[in-house]
């Protein structure tokens, strides 16, 4: 049976006043520890007194391990997590610099890294010179409260600050989490408009099969993927009546049956060695470029509320209304938690229950 001892139970060195080093059972070199991130993946880091934490990219036995480990021990700036010249040890700015080198950040999709970096750089500009150890819960509440005009942005920043404070605790910059029990804003509505069946019909009437707009809608609606994944779909990903999708954000590999309506749309598209959906110049779309193009397509079809993301929501809505379970919807969309799809199944259940209730009292 494993016995967990608190720090007070470990004997102190009477002469130096420092903690005795416990025998290493992990087999890892001195200063290297293993930890699990929030995605349940294991990583290595090197920590030494007076040095920033270094998050290692290789493991013992792999190519480059020896060089990376020795560089971490030596504290070489080009090999370790970089802190810029404007940062001072222990500051918010230094903590953000450390975060940029963690697997938690480097493992994100490029689009997510860009979004979070922009957010944190704005925060860094305002608060980067402040000490992490002196940050209080009152400070966090004031910072988030000042963003009441943009509640979604405030909630996103609070999420990043929680991650930063957890990192600060893990690296022993502070002992507690000042974001604990700080509440974000309650958002009204469900975000992006979910396409209704009337919206879908109107778009299809405006853009017949054979147009790029109809191809784009078909790929989004019948695979339920994010636009960043849809623009990367190629003919090589289709095998028989299934499409393989490697999600950029989650790295999940999905195998999705091709709906008969999508098969009809694909049959009219030209096969190339490039992605299935191309710009008017025959080039691949970027995720943002596709979002802009979809905005123009929707405006032309007089659907100002509709967006590409709303098609992903419509795909989940359709499956929920067809009686699919959360797990079944997640198998198509790649959502990671029940919470992300529950709003679709709850809405569908409400409609069914309302219909059943009206019939029970003799309604038509």
Protein backbone atom coordinates (compact mmCIF):
# COMPACT_ATOMS: atom_id res chain seq x y z
CA UNK A 1 0.00 0.00 0.00
CA UNK A 2 1.34 3.46 -0.94
CA UNK A 3 1.74 5.83 2.01
CA UNK A 4 1.63 9.53 1.18
CA UNK A 5 3.71 11.60 3.55
CA UNK A 6 3.25 15.31 4.04
CA UNK A 7 6.27 17.59 3.92
CA UNK A 8 6.17 17.87 7.72
CA UNK A 9 6.75 14.11 8.02
CA UNK A 10 10.04 14.21 6.08
CA UNK A 11 13.11 14.65 8.35
CA UNK A 12 15.14 17.84 7.98
CA UNK A 13 18.89 18.09 7.76
CA UNK A 14 19.86 19.51 11.16
CA UNK A 15 22.98 21.25 9.88
CA UNK A 16 21.81 22.86 6.68
CA UNK A 17 18.07 23.18 7.33
CA UNK A 18 17.27 21.76 3.89
CA UNK A 19 15.11 18.79 3.06
CA UNK A 20 16.86 15.47 2.54
CA UNK A 21 16.65 14.25 -1.07
CA UNK A 22 14.37 11.24 -1.25
CA UNK A 23 15.67 8.28 -3.26
CA UNK A 24 14.63 8.48 -6.91
CA UNK A 25 12.52 5.52 -7.99
CA UNK A 26 11.54 6.87 -11.39
CA UNK A 27 14.87 6.14 -13.06
CA UNK A 28 14.91 9.71 -14.41
CA UNK A 29 18.03 11.87 -14.18
CA UNK A 30 18.48 14.39 -11.39
CA UNK A 31 16.12 17.34 -11.66
CA UNK A 32 13.78 15.61 -14.13
CA UNK A 33 10.24 14.79 -13.09
CA UNK A 34 7.26 13.43 -14.97
CA UNK A 35 3.83 15.03 -14.86
CA UNK A 36 0.44 14.61 -16.48
CA UNK A 37 -1.27 17.49 -18.27
CA UNK A 38 -5.02 18.16 -18.34
CA UNK A 39 -5.35 15.94 -21.43
CA UNK A 40 -3.97 12.98 -19.41
CA UNK A 41 -0.71 12.98 -21.40
CA UNK A 42 2.65 12.49 -19.65
CA UNK A 43 5.55 14.96 -20.10
CA UNK A 44 8.99 15.58 -18.60
CA UNK A 45 10.33 18.78 -17.07
CA UNK A 46 13.64 19.84 -15.57
CA UNK A 47 13.65 21.95 -12.43
CA UNK A 48 16.61 23.34 -10.50
CA UNK A 49 16.86 26.03 -7.85
CA UNK A 50 17.40 29.46 -9.34
CA UNK A 51 16.45 28.39 -12.88
CA UNK A 52 13.20 28.59 -14.83
CA UNK A 53 11.41 25.29 -15.36
CA UNK A 54 12.35 23.65 -18.67
CA UNK A 55 9.72 21.48 -20.40
CA UNK A 56 11.58 18.74 -22.25
CA UNK A 57 10.56 17.57 -25.70
CA UNK A 58 12.53 14.32 -25.74
CA UNK A 59 12.79 11.36 -23.37
CA UNK A 60 15.75 9.26 -22.21
CA UNK A 61 16.91 7.03 -25.04
CA UNK A 62 15.54 9.24 -27.80
CA UNK A 63 17.64 11.17 -30.28
CA UNK A 64 18.63 14.54 -28.87
CA UNK A 65 17.83 13.63 -25.27
CA UNK A 66 21.37 13.98 -23.95
CA UNK A 67 21.90 17.36 -25.62
CA UNK A 68 18.55 18.71 -24.41
CA UNK A 69 19.08 17.50 -20.85
CA UNK A 70 22.61 18.94 -20.64
CA UNK A 71 21.39 22.23 -22.11
CA UNK A 72 18.64 22.37 -19.48
CA UNK A 73 21.17 21.76 -16.71
CA UNK A 74 23.45 24.45 -18.11
CA UNK A 75 20.55 26.87 -18.48
CA UNK A 76 21.39 27.69 -22.09
CA UNK A 77 18.89 30.33 -23.27
CA UNK A 78 18.44 28.88 -26.73
CA UNK A 79 17.61 25.45 -25.37
CA UNK A 80 15.38 26.29 -22.44
CA UNK A 81 12.06 28.06 -22.12
CA UNK A 82 12.84 31.60 -23.19
CA UNK A 83 11.94 34.68 -21.19
CA UNK A 84 12.36 37.93 -23.05
CA UNK A 85 14.69 40.72 -22.02
CA UNK A 86 11.75 42.74 -20.71
CA UNK A 87 10.77 40.11 -18.12
CA UNK A 88 11.91 39.90 -14.54
CA UNK A 89 11.92 36.69 -12.50
CA UNK A 90 8.68 36.00 -10.69
CA UNK A 91 6.57 38.37 -12.76
CA UNK A 92 3.39 37.71 -14.73
CA UNK A 93 5.43 38.34 -17.87
CA UNK A 94 7.94 35.66 -16.91
CA UNK A 95 5.16 33.19 -16.09
CA UNK A 96 3.52 33.73 -19.47
CA UNK A 97 6.88 33.15 -21.16
CA UNK A 98 7.22 29.86 -19.29
CA UNK A 99 3.67 28.89 -20.26
CA UNK A 100 4.49 29.38 -23.94
CA UNK A 101 7.07 26.61 -23.62
CA UNK A 102 4.84 24.07 -21.88
CA UNK A 103 3.23 21.07 -23.60
CA UNK A 104 -0.08 22.55 -22.44
CA UNK A 105 0.51 25.41 -24.92
CA UNK A 106 2.70 23.87 -27.63
CA UNK A 107 0.29 20.94 -27.96
CA UNK A 108 -2.58 23.23 -28.96
CA UNK A 109 -3.69 23.70 -32.55
CA UNK A 110 -1.97 26.61 -34.31
CA UNK A 111 -5.20 28.61 -34.42
CA UNK A 112 -5.73 28.13 -30.67
CA UNK A 113 -2.12 29.13 -29.90
CA UNK A 114 -2.56 32.32 -31.91
CA UNK A 115 -5.82 33.17 -30.16
CA UNK A 116 -4.46 32.55 -26.66
CA UNK A 117 -1.17 34.31 -27.37
CA UNK A 118 -3.00 37.45 -28.54
CA UNK A 119 -5.14 37.34 -25.40
CA UNK A 120 -2.21 36.82 -23.04
CA UNK A 121 -0.04 39.46 -24.72
CA UNK A 122 -2.74 42.06 -24.07
CA UNK A 123 -2.88 40.92 -20.44
CA UNK A 124 0.91 40.94 -20.30
CA UNK A 125 1.04 44.51 -21.57
CA UNK A 126 -1.22 45.66 -18.74
CA UNK A 127 0.02 43.48 -15.87
CA UNK A 128 3.29 41.85 -16.95
CA UNK A 129 5.47 43.73 -14.46
CA UNK A 130 3.47 42.57 -11.44
CA UNK A 131 4.71 39.74 -9.22
CA UNK A 132 2.89 36.41 -9.44
CA UNK A 133 3.28 35.85 -5.69
CA UNK A 134 1.40 39.05 -4.81
CA UNK A 135 -1.60 38.43 -7.08
CA UNK A 136 -4.76 38.08 -4.98
CA UNK A 137 -8.29 36.87 -5.55
CA UNK A 138 -9.46 40.48 -5.27
CA UNK A 139 -7.11 41.43 -8.12
CA UNK A 140 -8.50 38.65 -10.34
CA UNK A 141 -12.09 39.64 -9.58
CA UNK A 142 -11.32 43.28 -10.40
CA UNK A 143 -9.59 42.38 -13.69
CA UNK A 144 -12.43 40.13 -14.83
CA UNK A 145 -15.11 42.52 -13.54
CA UNK A 146 -13.64 45.36 -15.58
CA UNK A 147 -14.37 43.34 -18.73
CA UNK A 148 -18.14 43.23 -18.19
CA UNK A 149 -18.72 44.82 -21.61
CA UNK A 150 -17.16 41.74 -23.25
CA UNK A 151 -18.26 38.83 -21.02
CA UNK A 152 -17.16 36.05 -23.38
CA UNK A 153 -13.66 37.53 -23.61
CA UNK A 154 -13.59 37.90 -19.83
CA UNK A 155 -14.49 34.23 -19.35
CA UNK A 156 -11.82 33.16 -21.84
CA UNK A 157 -9.18 35.21 -20.02
CA UNK A 158 -10.25 33.74 -16.68
CA UNK A 159 -9.78 30.24 -18.12
CA UNK A 160 -6.22 31.14 -19.21
CA UNK A 161 -5.46 32.69 -15.82
CA UNK A 162 -6.55 29.48 -14.10
CA UNK A 163 -4.04 27.57 -16.22
CA UNK A 164 -1.30 30.11 -15.48
CA UNK A 165 -1.92 29.92 -11.74
CA UNK A 166 -1.88 26.13 -11.79
CA UNK A 167 1.48 26.34 -13.57
CA UNK A 168 2.71 28.82 -10.95
CA UNK A 169 1.74 26.39 -8.19
CA UNK A 170 3.30 23.41 -9.96
CA UNK A 171 6.54 25.35 -10.37
CA UNK A 172 6.36 26.64 -6.78
CA UNK A 173 6.04 30.31 -7.65
CA UNK A 174 3.15 30.48 -5.20
CA UNK A 175 1.30 28.09 -2.87
CA UNK A 176 -2.33 28.88 -3.67
CA UNK A 177 -4.62 29.63 -6.60
CA UNK A 178 -6.05 33.20 -6.59
CA UNK A 179 -8.53 32.25 -9.34
CA UNK A 180 -10.21 29.71 -7.04
CA UNK A 181 -13.97 30.32 -6.88
CA UNK A 182 -13.74 33.44 -9.02
CA UNK A 183 -16.85 33.33 -11.18
CA UNK A 184 -17.06 34.34 -14.80
CA UNK A 185 -20.04 35.94 -16.49
CA UNK A 186 -23.19 34.04 -17.30
CA UNK A 187 -23.64 34.32 -21.04
CA UNK A 188 -27.06 34.73 -22.58
CA UNK A 189 -27.98 32.74 -25.66
CA UNK A 190 -26.10 29.86 -27.26
CA UNK A 191 -23.47 31.78 -29.19
CA UNK A 192 -23.50 31.29 -32.94
CA UNK A 193 -26.89 30.92 -34.58
CA UNK A 194 -27.75 27.28 -35.30
CA UNK A 195 -28.99 26.87 -38.86
CA UNK A 196 -32.67 25.91 -38.99
CA UNK A 197 -34.14 23.63 -41.63
CA UNK A 198 -35.58 26.72 -43.31
CA UNK A 199 -32.10 28.28 -43.39
CA UNK A 200 -30.64 25.13 -44.95
CA UNK A 201 -33.40 24.94 -47.56
CA UNK A 202 -32.99 28.61 -48.47
CA UNK A 203 -29.22 28.21 -48.90
CA UNK A 204 -29.69 25.11 -51.07
CA UNK A 205 -32.25 26.91 -53.24
CA UNK A 206 -29.76 29.72 -53.81
CA UNK A 207 -26.75 27.45 -54.42
CA UNK A 208 -27.51 24.27 -56.41
CA UNK A 209 -25.35 21.15 -56.44
CA UNK A 210 -22.23 21.86 -58.47
CA UNK A 211 -21.43 25.19 -56.81
CA UNK A 212 -18.60 25.68 -54.32
CA UNK A 213 -21.03 27.09 -51.78
CA UNK A 214 -23.18 23.94 -51.86
CA UNK A 215 -20.08 21.75 -51.62
CA UNK A 216 -18.89 23.69 -48.58
CA UNK A 217 -22.27 23.45 -46.87
CA UNK A 218 -22.48 19.73 -47.58
CA UNK A 219 -19.04 19.04 -46.12
CA UNK A 220 -19.83 21.02 -42.97
CA UNK A 221 -23.40 19.82 -42.46
CA UNK A 222 -22.85 16.11 -43.12
CA UNK A 223 -19.56 15.71 -41.24
CA UNK A 224 -20.18 18.10 -38.33
CA UNK A 225 -16.57 19.25 -38.32
CA UNK A 226 -14.94 22.59 -37.54
CA UNK A 227 -14.04 24.78 -40.49
CA UNK A 228 -10.32 24.29 -39.70
CA UNK A 229 -10.81 20.55 -40.34
CA UNK A 230 -13.18 20.89 -43.28
CA UNK A 231 -10.74 22.98 -45.36
CA UNK A 232 -8.15 20.20 -44.99
CA UNK A 233 -10.42 17.38 -46.18
CA UNK A 234 -9.00 15.77 -49.32
CA UNK A 235 -10.09 13.07 -51.71
CA UNK A 236 -7.36 10.86 -50.28
CA UNK A 237 -9.29 10.85 -46.99
CA UNK A 238 -12.24 9.07 -48.62
CA UNK A 239 -12.22 5.29 -48.72
CA UNK A 240 -15.36 3.55 -49.93
CA UNK A 241 -18.30 5.13 -48.14
CA UNK A 242 -16.30 6.63 -45.26
CA UNK A 243 -14.21 9.73 -44.67
CA UNK A 244 -11.25 9.90 -42.30
CA UNK A 245 -10.75 13.14 -40.38
CA UNK A 246 -7.81 14.01 -38.14
CA UNK A 247 -9.08 16.88 -36.01
CA UNK A 248 -6.64 19.75 -35.74
CA UNK A 249 -7.80 20.97 -32.33
CA UNK A 250 -8.03 17.63 -30.50
CA UNK A 251 -5.81 15.39 -32.68
CA UNK A 252 -8.66 12.86 -32.62
CA UNK A 253 -8.97 10.50 -35.61
CA UNK A 254 -12.56 10.05 -36.77
CA UNK A 255 -14.03 7.70 -39.37
CA UNK A 256 -17.33 9.15 -40.57
CA UNK A 257 -19.86 7.43 -42.86
CA UNK A 258 -20.61 9.52 -45.94
CA UNK A 259 -24.29 10.54 -45.98
CA UNK A 260 -26.12 9.84 -49.24
CA UNK A 261 -26.82 13.57 -49.72
CA UNK A 262 -23.11 14.36 -49.32
CA UNK A 263 -22.22 11.55 -51.73
CA UNK A 264 -24.44 13.21 -54.36
CA UNK A 265 -22.74 16.57 -53.80
CA UNK A 266 -19.26 15.03 -53.97
CA UNK A 267 -20.11 13.24 -57.22
CA UNK A 268 -20.41 16.62 -58.94
CA UNK A 269 -17.07 17.95 -57.64
CA UNK A 270 -13.80 17.77 -59.55
CA UNK A 271 -11.23 15.38 -58.07
CA UNK A 272 -7.73 16.80 -57.65
CA UNK A 273 -4.68 16.17 -55.49
CA UNK A 274 -5.66 19.25 -53.48
CA UNK A 275 -8.33 19.61 -50.77
CA UNK A 276 -11.91 18.95 -51.86
CA UNK A 277 -13.01 22.57 -51.45
CA UNK A 278 -10.95 25.16 -53.35
CA UNK A 279 -11.09 28.91 -53.80
CA UNK A 280 -12.16 30.52 -57.08
CA UNK A 281 -8.45 30.58 -57.95
CA UNK A 282 -8.05 26.84 -57.44
CA UNK A 283 -6.14 27.22 -54.16
CA UNK A 284 -6.85 25.66 -50.75
CA UNK A 285 -8.83 27.76 -48.26
CA UNK A 286 -7.45 28.83 -44.91
CA UNK A 287 -9.89 28.47 -42.01
CA UNK A 288 -10.33 32.24 -41.73
CA UNK A 289 -10.52 32.66 -45.49
CA UNK A 290 -13.31 30.10 -45.66
CA UNK A 291 -15.17 31.83 -42.83
CA UNK A 292 -15.05 35.09 -44.78
CA UNK A 293 -16.23 33.39 -47.97
CA UNK A 294 -19.11 31.69 -46.15
CA UNK A 295 -20.10 35.08 -44.76
CA UNK A 296 -20.39 36.41 -48.34
CA UNK A 297 -22.31 33.34 -49.51
CA UNK A 298 -24.77 33.65 -46.63
CA UNK A 299 -25.25 37.38 -47.19
CA UNK A 300 -25.98 36.76 -50.86
CA UNK A 301 -28.58 34.15 -49.86
CA UNK A 302 -30.11 36.66 -47.39
CA UNK A 303 -29.04 34.63 -44.35
CA UNK A 304 -27.24 37.28 -42.27
CA UNK A 305 -27.33 35.28 -39.01
CA UNK A 306 -25.85 32.12 -40.50
CA UNK A 307 -22.15 31.23 -40.19
CA UNK A 308 -19.91 28.27 -40.91
CA UNK A 309 -19.81 27.37 -37.20
CA UNK A 310 -23.59 27.39 -37.15
CA UNK A 311 -23.53 24.51 -39.65
CA UNK A 312 -21.57 22.37 -37.19
CA UNK A 313 -24.22 23.16 -34.60
CA UNK A 314 -26.95 22.30 -37.11
CA UNK A 315 -25.33 18.91 -37.70
CA UNK A 316 -25.44 18.19 -33.96
CA UNK A 317 -29.02 19.48 -33.75
CA UNK A 318 -30.16 17.17 -36.54
CA UNK A 319 -28.62 14.14 -34.89
CA UNK A 320 -30.17 15.04 -31.53
CA UNK A 321 -33.60 15.48 -33.10
CA UNK A 322 -33.19 12.08 -34.79
CA UNK A 323 -32.80 10.53 -31.33
CA UNK A 324 -29.01 10.08 -31.28
CA UNK A 325 -27.38 9.82 -27.88
CA UNK A 326 -24.62 12.14 -26.68
CA UNK A 327 -22.03 9.46 -27.39
CA UNK A 328 -23.32 8.94 -30.92
CA UNK A 329 -23.19 12.67 -31.65
CA UNK A 330 -19.69 12.89 -30.18
CA UNK A 331 -18.56 10.03 -32.44
CA UNK A 332 -19.34 12.25 -35.45
CA UNK A 333 -18.49 15.75 -34.24
CA UNK A 334 -15.50 14.80 -32.11
CA UNK A 335 -16.73 16.79 -29.10
CA UNK A 336 -14.80 15.66 -26.01
CA UNK A 337 -17.42 15.93 -23.26
CA UNK A 338 -21.14 15.31 -22.77
CA UNK A 339 -21.55 18.92 -21.67
CA UNK A 340 -20.64 20.17 -25.15
CA UNK A 341 -23.47 18.26 -26.84
CA UNK A 342 -26.06 18.15 -24.05
CA UNK A 343 -27.58 21.47 -25.17
CA UNK A 344 -28.51 19.85 -28.49
CA UNK A 345 -30.06 16.72 -27.00
CA UNK A 346 -31.86 18.74 -24.31
CA UNK A 347 -33.43 21.00 -26.94
CA UNK A 348 -34.49 17.97 -28.99
CA UNK A 349 -35.91 16.25 -25.89
CA UNK A 350 -37.90 19.40 -25.05
CA UNK A 351 -39.53 19.36 -28.48
CA UNK A 352 -40.43 15.66 -28.19
CA UNK A 353 -41.78 16.03 -24.66
CA UNK A 354 -43.81 19.10 -25.63
CA UNK A 355 -45.35 17.23 -28.58
CA UNK A 356 -46.12 14.24 -26.34
CA UNK A 357 -47.67 16.48 -23.68
CA UNK A 358 -49.93 18.25 -26.17
CA UNK A 359 -51.09 14.94 -27.63
CA UNK A 360 -51.81 13.66 -24.12
CA UNK A 361 -54.38 16.41 -23.57
CA UNK A 362 -56.02 15.87 -26.92
CA UNK A 363 -54.10 18.38 -28.98
CA UNK A 364 -53.36 17.76 -32.64
